[in-house]
Amino acid sequence: AAARPKSAQTPGYNASASGPTTWEPMLTLTAAYYPAQVETVRAVSSRHYQVNLSDDGRVPITAVEFIAKGRSYNVIAGDATGRFSVHNRNGTATASARLEKAAEGGINAFFAFGTIMAIGHVGGVSFFETKERRVLSQQCLETLQNDDAHPEIRASLKKTNTSNATIAPPSLKRRPPPLPIVRHITSLAPDLANSLNLFAGTANGSLITFQVRGEKSRVRCSVLHEVSLLSEPLPANGKVKATVSMAALKGFLFAVASVPSVPPALSVMNVTMVTRTNPPELALYIPLAPPTACRTILVGSDRTAGVVVVGAGEPKGGAVIFESRFQFVAPDKWDAWG
């Protein structure tokens, strides 16, 4: 067997090219810190530190993401108590806050829309303005669908012939107001063909399509569609929950719902033309061999070359990996593509 590279054997070792045909990966440890033990920036106003990270001690980190900052970056980290904090590269905290809706289930996912960070948690989706470092009050809203287009048919009181009915004009019903969506969000993924769309996986094994518009305090989020990723419905008692992993390519979305009682499958969704009237279209449904023990099946993509990998961890630390390539074709080229 080939020897492991030195960079894999020695933590913090910087490997470089050792010859014209030999290349070893370079891995540098930039920083290692606990959010509960970092320092704050004195120049930052105290109003940006809404919670003291040291109050609850060390708490498991459940989600992390990068925040673009010119040529550099910041890191946002969320934990199991619903707290999240923003850190510089050296670990110093520049902001902290707590989402009360995420206190029981923690924060599960982040995704950035420019300066707006979407946060997925047990109570739905919240938003954080990274430039101004504040939690926004906007929520994702769901409009209840009702059909007022069909006129009401009722029997005429003046005629005895029961087959002769009059058609009353449709009553002017008010559309019910949109309500904040309450779902246990387990993952978030972008629509690489439409920057306004955001996909979310839920604990009941469904895929939600959000439309996010605006910026700063003018953010508007609405639900476009919700489709199930499971071949069998989950028990209604809510004791069995799913973990949805997703990865995006331009024009495609790959999702797997991991549930102890349901065989896993990879759903390949065509999201090229997702609008308010067109939901994501199921292009492929690939059953996967369940892992020996119930573990979350992970999905990842490079977002550019069209490579998707699907892996399921085994008890001894191995992985089952599938790799596939999908090529995006613009809608106006479909006829020529065949």
Protein backbone atom coordinates (compact mmCIF):
# COMPACT_ATOMS: atom_id res chain seq x y z
CA ALA A 1 0.00 0.00 0.00
CA ALA A 2 1.16 3.52 -0.73
CA ALA A 3 2.42 5.54 2.22
CA ARG A 4 0.20 8.31 3.49
CA PRO A 5 1.41 11.82 2.59
CA LYS A 6 3.29 13.64 5.33
CA SER A 7 0.59 16.31 5.45
CA ALA A 8 -1.88 13.62 6.51
CA GLN A 9 0.49 12.17 9.12
CA THR A 10 1.66 15.34 10.83
CA PRO A 11 -0.92 17.96 11.92
CA GLY A 12 0.00 21.43 10.71
CA TYR A 13 2.69 20.20 8.33
CA ASN A 14 2.82 22.22 5.11
CA ALA A 15 3.51 19.91 2.19
CA SER A 16 4.49 21.32 -1.18
CA ALA A 17 5.50 20.05 -4.60
CA SER A 18 8.50 17.76 -4.18
CA GLY A 19 9.13 17.10 -7.85
CA PRO A 20 7.89 17.76 -11.38
CA THR A 21 5.43 14.84 -11.25
CA THR A 22 4.74 14.66 -7.50
CA TRP A 23 2.22 16.84 -5.70
CA GLU A 24 1.01 16.66 -2.14
CA PRO A 25 -1.91 18.62 -0.66
CA MET A 26 -1.24 21.69 1.45
CA LEU A 27 -3.17 22.08 4.69
CA THR A 28 -2.52 24.90 7.12
CA LEU A 29 -4.18 25.30 10.49
CA THR A 30 -5.36 28.92 10.58
CA ALA A 31 -7.09 29.03 13.95
CA ALA A 32 -8.66 26.76 16.57
CA TYR A 33 -10.91 28.24 19.22
CA TYR A 34 -14.06 27.78 21.28
CA PRO A 35 -16.72 30.47 20.71
CA ALA A 36 -17.37 30.47 24.47
CA GLN A 37 -13.76 31.48 25.20
CA VAL A 38 -12.93 34.07 22.54
CA GLU A 39 -12.34 37.78 23.03
CA THR A 40 -14.55 40.52 21.65
CA VAL A 41 -13.51 43.50 19.54
CA ARG A 42 -13.38 46.66 21.63
CA ALA A 43 -14.17 48.90 18.68
CA VAL A 44 -17.49 47.12 18.09
CA SER A 45 -20.53 48.50 19.92
CA SER A 46 -21.90 46.38 22.74
CA ARG A 47 -25.33 46.29 21.06
CA HIS A 48 -23.93 43.76 18.59
CA TYR A 49 -23.25 41.32 21.42
CA GLN A 50 -26.76 40.28 22.40
CA VAL A 51 -25.66 37.20 24.36
CA ASN A 52 -22.64 36.34 26.44
CA LEU A 53 -21.12 33.25 24.82
CA SER A 54 -19.42 32.20 28.05
CA ASP A 55 -22.65 31.92 30.05
CA ASP A 56 -23.52 28.38 28.91
CA GLY A 57 -19.93 27.20 28.53
CA ARG A 58 -18.90 25.00 25.65
CA VAL A 59 -21.89 23.96 23.54
CA PRO A 60 -21.80 21.62 20.50
CA ILE A 61 -21.41 23.52 17.22
CA THR A 62 -24.18 22.44 14.83
CA ALA A 63 -23.63 24.69 11.78
CA VAL A 64 -20.87 26.88 10.31
CA GLU A 65 -20.56 29.08 7.22
CA PHE A 66 -18.26 31.70 5.70
CA ILE A 67 -19.14 35.38 5.32
CA ALA A 68 -17.37 37.13 2.46
CA LYS A 69 -15.47 40.22 3.61
CA GLY A 70 -13.62 41.73 0.67
CA ARG A 71 -10.63 39.50 0.00
CA SER A 72 -10.92 37.96 3.44
CA TYR A 73 -13.78 36.27 5.27
CA ASN A 74 -15.52 35.92 8.59
CA VAL A 75 -16.95 32.74 10.11
CA ILE A 76 -20.45 32.38 11.54
CA ALA A 77 -21.06 29.46 13.91
CA GLY A 78 -24.35 28.26 15.40
CA ASP A 79 -24.75 25.89 18.34
CA ALA A 80 -27.28 23.50 19.84
CA THR A 81 -28.86 26.15 22.09
CA GLY A 82 -29.87 28.53 19.31
CA ARG A 83 -26.93 30.89 19.74
CA PHE A 84 -24.73 32.03 16.89
CA SER A 85 -21.66 34.21 16.68
CA VAL A 86 -19.55 35.92 14.00
CA HIS A 87 -15.77 35.62 14.21
CA ASN A 88 -12.75 37.09 12.48
CA ARG A 89 -10.13 34.75 11.07
CA ASN A 90 -8.22 34.80 14.36
CA GLY A 91 -11.35 33.85 16.32
CA THR A 92 -12.27 37.18 17.90
CA ALA A 93 -16.04 37.65 18.05
CA THR A 94 -17.64 40.63 16.28
CA ALA A 95 -21.30 39.78 16.97
CA SER A 96 -23.47 37.30 18.84
CA ALA A 97 -27.17 36.64 19.15
CA ARG A 98 -29.68 33.99 20.14
CA LEU A 99 -32.74 32.79 18.24
CA GLU A 100 -35.40 31.87 20.77
CA LYS A 101 -37.20 29.74 18.19
CA ALA A 102 -34.07 27.60 17.86
CA ALA A 103 -33.49 27.13 21.58
CA GLU A 104 -34.80 23.55 21.66
CA GLY A 105 -33.39 22.12 18.44
CA GLY A 106 -30.42 24.38 17.75
CA ILE A 107 -29.28 25.93 14.48
CA ASN A 108 -28.95 23.48 11.59
CA ALA A 109 -27.90 25.46 8.50
CA PHE A 110 -26.68 28.79 7.14
CA PHE A 111 -26.77 30.25 3.66
CA ALA A 112 -25.69 33.74 2.54
CA PHE A 113 -27.60 36.04 0.15
CA GLY A 114 -25.10 38.85 -0.24
CA THR A 115 -25.10 40.54 3.16
CA ILE A 116 -28.13 38.57 4.34
CA MET A 117 -27.55 35.25 6.11
CA ALA A 118 -30.46 32.80 6.10
CA ILE A 119 -30.53 30.62 9.21
CA GLY A 120 -32.40 27.30 9.25
CA HIS A 121 -33.54 25.97 12.62
CA VAL A 122 -36.27 24.00 14.35
CA GLY A 123 -38.73 26.91 14.08
CA GLY A 124 -38.26 27.78 10.41
CA VAL A 125 -35.96 30.32 8.71
CA SER A 126 -34.59 33.53 10.23
CA PHE A 127 -32.38 36.23 8.74
CA PHE A 128 -29.26 38.01 9.97
CA GLU A 129 -27.80 41.16 8.39
CA THR A 130 -24.05 40.50 8.39
CA LYS A 131 -22.93 44.05 7.55
CA GLU A 132 -25.00 45.73 10.25
CA ARG A 133 -24.71 42.65 12.53
CA ARG A 134 -28.33 42.41 13.60
CA VAL A 135 -31.15 39.87 13.50
CA LEU A 136 -33.98 40.87 11.17
CA SER A 137 -37.62 40.58 12.18
CA GLN A 138 -38.75 39.25 8.78
CA GLN A 139 -39.99 35.68 8.54
CA CYS A 140 -40.78 33.36 5.65
CA LEU A 141 -44.50 33.52 4.96
CA GLU A 142 -46.82 30.88 3.57
CA THR A 143 -50.02 31.82 1.75
CA LEU A 144 -52.85 29.34 2.18
CA GLN A 145 -54.13 28.31 -1.22
CA ASN A 146 -57.85 28.70 -1.91
CA ASP A 147 -59.81 28.50 -5.15
CA ASP A 148 -62.40 31.23 -5.68
CA ALA A 149 -62.48 30.88 -9.44
CA HIS A 150 -65.34 28.38 -9.55
CA PRO A 151 -68.82 29.88 -9.05
CA GLU A 152 -71.09 28.51 -6.38
CA ILE A 153 -73.90 26.36 -7.79
CA ARG A 154 -77.14 26.34 -5.80
CA ALA A 155 -80.68 25.19 -6.47
CA SER A 156 -83.25 27.77 -7.53
CA LEU A 157 -85.97 28.45 -4.99
CA LYS A 158 -88.42 29.65 -7.68
CA LYS A 159 -88.33 26.54 -9.85
CA THR A 160 -89.45 23.09 -8.88
CA ASN A 161 -87.37 21.33 -11.54
CA THR A 162 -84.34 20.10 -9.59
CA SER A 163 -82.26 19.77 -12.74
CA ASN A 164 -82.70 23.45 -13.50
CA ALA A 165 -80.28 25.33 -11.28
CA THR A 166 -79.10 28.89 -11.23
CA ILE A 167 -75.48 29.87 -11.00
CA ALA A 168 -74.79 32.50 -8.41
CA PRO A 169 -71.91 34.89 -8.97
CA PRO A 170 -68.78 34.00 -7.01
CA SER A 171 -68.74 35.50 -3.58
CA LEU A 172 -66.01 38.04 -2.96
CA LYS A 173 -63.94 36.17 -0.40
CA ARG A 174 -60.88 37.72 1.04
CA ARG A 175 -57.69 35.76 0.63
CA PRO A 176 -56.43 34.67 4.06
CA PRO A 177 -53.37 36.59 5.19
CA PRO A 178 -49.99 34.86 4.82
CA LEU A 179 -48.76 33.11 7.95
CA PRO A 180 -45.20 32.54 9.17
CA ILE A 181 -44.07 29.07 8.17
CA VAL A 182 -43.18 26.78 11.06
CA ARG A 183 -41.04 23.86 9.90
CA HIS A 184 -38.05 22.07 11.34
CA ILE A 185 -35.39 23.04 8.79
CA THR A 186 -32.44 20.63 8.57
CA SER A 187 -30.55 22.01 5.54
CA LEU A 188 -30.41 24.88 3.05
CA ALA A 189 -29.20 24.91 -0.57
CA PRO A 190 -29.16 27.57 -3.31
CA ASP A 191 -30.70 27.59 -6.76
CA LEU A 192 -27.62 28.24 -8.90
CA ALA A 193 -29.77 29.20 -11.89
CA ASN A 194 -31.96 31.67 -9.98
CA SER A 195 -30.46 33.66 -7.11
CA LEU A 196 -33.93 34.45 -5.71
CA ASN A 197 -34.76 30.84 -4.89
CA LEU A 198 -33.66 28.98 -1.78
CA PHE A 199 -34.28 25.29 -1.09
CA ALA A 200 -34.80 23.91 2.41
CA GLY A 201 -35.00 20.34 3.67
CA THR A 202 -37.31 19.63 6.59
CA ALA A 203 -37.51 17.07 9.38
CA ASN A 204 -40.69 15.60 7.86
CA GLY A 205 -38.79 14.65 4.70
CA SER A 206 -40.03 17.43 2.42
CA LEU A 207 -38.36 19.97 0.16
CA ILE A 208 -39.50 23.59 0.40
CA THR A 209 -38.79 26.22 -2.24
CA PHE A 210 -38.51 29.74 -0.86
CA GLN A 211 -38.32 32.97 -2.82
CA VAL A 212 -36.19 35.61 -1.08
CA ARG A 213 -36.25 39.19 -2.36
CA GLY A 214 -34.90 42.51 -1.18
CA GLU A 215 -32.03 43.35 1.13
CA LYS A 216 -31.42 44.61 4.65
CA SER A 217 -34.71 45.44 6.39
CA ARG A 218 -36.65 45.03 3.13
CA VAL A 219 -36.15 41.26 2.90
CA ARG A 220 -39.26 39.38 1.79
CA CYS A 221 -39.45 35.59 1.96
CA SER A 222 -42.37 33.53 0.69
CA VAL A 223 -43.03 29.82 0.15
CA LEU A 224 -43.41 28.74 -3.46
CA HIS A 225 -43.72 24.96 -3.18
CA GLU A 226 -43.36 22.03 -0.81
CA VAL A 227 -42.87 18.51 -2.15
CA SER A 228 -42.13 15.23 -0.35
CA LEU A 229 -38.84 13.37 -0.80
CA LEU A 230 -40.02 10.16 0.88
CA SER A 231 -41.70 7.18 -0.72
CA GLU A 232 -43.53 6.50 2.56
CA PRO A 233 -45.06 9.10 4.90
CA LEU A 234 -43.64 9.48 8.38
CA PRO A 235 -45.76 8.57 11.43
CA ALA A 236 -48.10 11.35 12.46
CA ASN A 237 -46.94 11.31 16.09
CA GLY A 238 -43.81 13.25 15.14
CA LYS A 239 -41.42 10.92 16.97
CA VAL A 240 -39.61 9.90 13.77
CA LYS A 241 -37.75 12.74 12.07
CA ALA A 242 -35.83 12.92 8.83
CA THR A 243 -32.51 14.61 8.07
CA VAL A 244 -32.38 15.98 4.53
CA SER A 245 -28.98 16.50 2.88
CA MET A 246 -28.84 18.57 -0.32
CA ALA A 247 -26.38 19.69 -2.96
CA ALA A 248 -26.93 21.99 -5.93
CA LEU A 249 -25.68 22.15 -9.48
CA LYS A 250 -26.86 24.65 -12.04
CA GLY A 251 -30.30 23.43 -13.07
CA PHE A 252 -30.33 20.46 -10.67
CA LEU A 253 -30.86 19.78 -6.99
CA PHE A 254 -29.81 16.53 -5.32
CA ALA A 255 -31.48 15.55 -2.05
CA VAL A 256 -31.51 12.53 0.25
CA ALA A 257 -33.81 12.14 3.25
CA SER A 258 -32.30 9.91 5.95
CA VAL A 259 -34.94 8.22 8.12
CA PRO A 260 -34.46 5.11 10.29
CA SER A 261 -37.62 3.40 9.02
CA VAL A 262 -37.54 4.37 5.31
CA PRO A 263 -35.07 3.07 2.68
CA PRO A 264 -32.90 5.98 1.46
CA ALA A 265 -33.03 7.26 -2.10
CA LEU A 266 -31.36 10.04 -4.06
CA SER A 267 -33.86 12.44 -5.60
CA VAL A 268 -32.55 14.41 -8.57
CA MET A 269 -34.76 17.45 -9.12
CA ASN A 270 -34.84 19.57 -12.27
CA VAL A 271 -35.05 23.14 -10.98
CA THR A 272 -34.34 24.95 -14.25
CA MET A 273 -37.76 26.57 -14.53
CA VAL A 274 -38.96 26.75 -10.92
CA THR A 275 -41.50 29.54 -10.55
CA ARG A 276 -44.60 30.14 -8.47
CA THR A 277 -46.60 27.90 -10.84
CA ASN A 278 -43.87 25.37 -11.68
CA PRO A 279 -42.58 23.24 -8.78
CA PRO A 280 -39.29 21.31 -8.88
CA GLU A 281 -39.58 18.36 -11.25
CA LEU A 282 -38.37 14.92 -10.21
CA ALA A 283 -35.92 13.82 -12.92
CA LEU A 284 -34.38 10.73 -11.29
CA TYR A 285 -35.17 8.65 -8.21
CA ILE A 286 -32.26 6.38 -7.32
CA PRO A 287 -32.68 3.93 -4.40
CA LEU A 288 -29.56 3.70 -2.22
CA ALA A 289 -28.33 0.78 -0.17
CA PRO A 290 -28.99 1.65 3.48
CA PRO A 291 -25.91 1.86 5.71
CA THR A 292 -25.36 -0.82 8.33
CA ALA A 293 -26.44 1.58 11.06
CA CYS A 294 -28.78 4.49 10.51
CA ARG A 295 -26.57 7.43 9.65
CA THR A 296 -27.17 10.62 7.77
CA ILE A 297 -26.37 10.24 4.08
CA LEU A 298 -24.34 13.20 2.86
CA VAL A 299 -24.57 14.88 -0.54
CA GLY A 300 -22.01 17.29 -1.92
CA SER A 301 -21.17 19.07 -5.18
CA ASP A 302 -18.53 21.41 -6.51
CA ARG A 303 -21.24 23.65 -8.08
CA THR A 304 -19.18 24.23 -11.25
CA ALA A 305 -17.84 21.07 -12.94
CA GLY A 306 -21.06 19.13 -12.46
CA VAL A 307 -19.72 16.54 -10.01
CA VAL A 308 -21.96 15.13 -7.29
CA VAL A 309 -20.92 12.69 -4.58
CA VAL A 310 -23.19 10.77 -2.22
CA GLY A 311 -21.72 9.02 0.81
CA ALA A 312 -23.05 7.03 3.74
CA GLY A 313 -20.82 6.45 6.75
CA GLU A 314 -20.22 2.88 7.92
CA PRO A 315 -19.56 1.82 11.55
CA LYS A 316 -15.82 1.33 10.92
CA GLY A 317 -15.39 4.80 9.47
CA GLY A 318 -15.56 3.99 5.78
CA ALA A 319 -17.85 5.56 3.21
CA VAL A 320 -19.90 4.54 0.22
CA ILE A 321 -19.48 7.18 -2.47
CA PHE A 322 -21.33 7.61 -5.75
CA GLU A 323 -20.08 10.09 -8.31
CA SER A 324 -22.00 11.45 -11.26
CA ARG A 325 -21.76 14.34 -13.71
CA PHE A 326 -24.68 16.49 -14.84
CA GLN A 327 -24.37 19.06 -17.59
CA PHE A 328 -26.58 22.13 -17.48
CA VAL A 329 -28.30 23.04 -20.75
CA ALA A 330 -30.05 26.40 -21.06
CA PRO A 331 -33.79 26.15 -21.88
CA ASP A 332 -33.33 27.89 -25.24
CA LYS A 333 -30.90 25.11 -26.25
CA TRP A 334 -33.17 22.19 -25.35
CA ASP A 335 -34.41 21.60 -28.93
CA ALA A 336 -30.89 21.48 -30.35
CA TRP A 337 -29.75 19.31 -27.44
CA GLY A 338 -32.51 16.78 -28.09
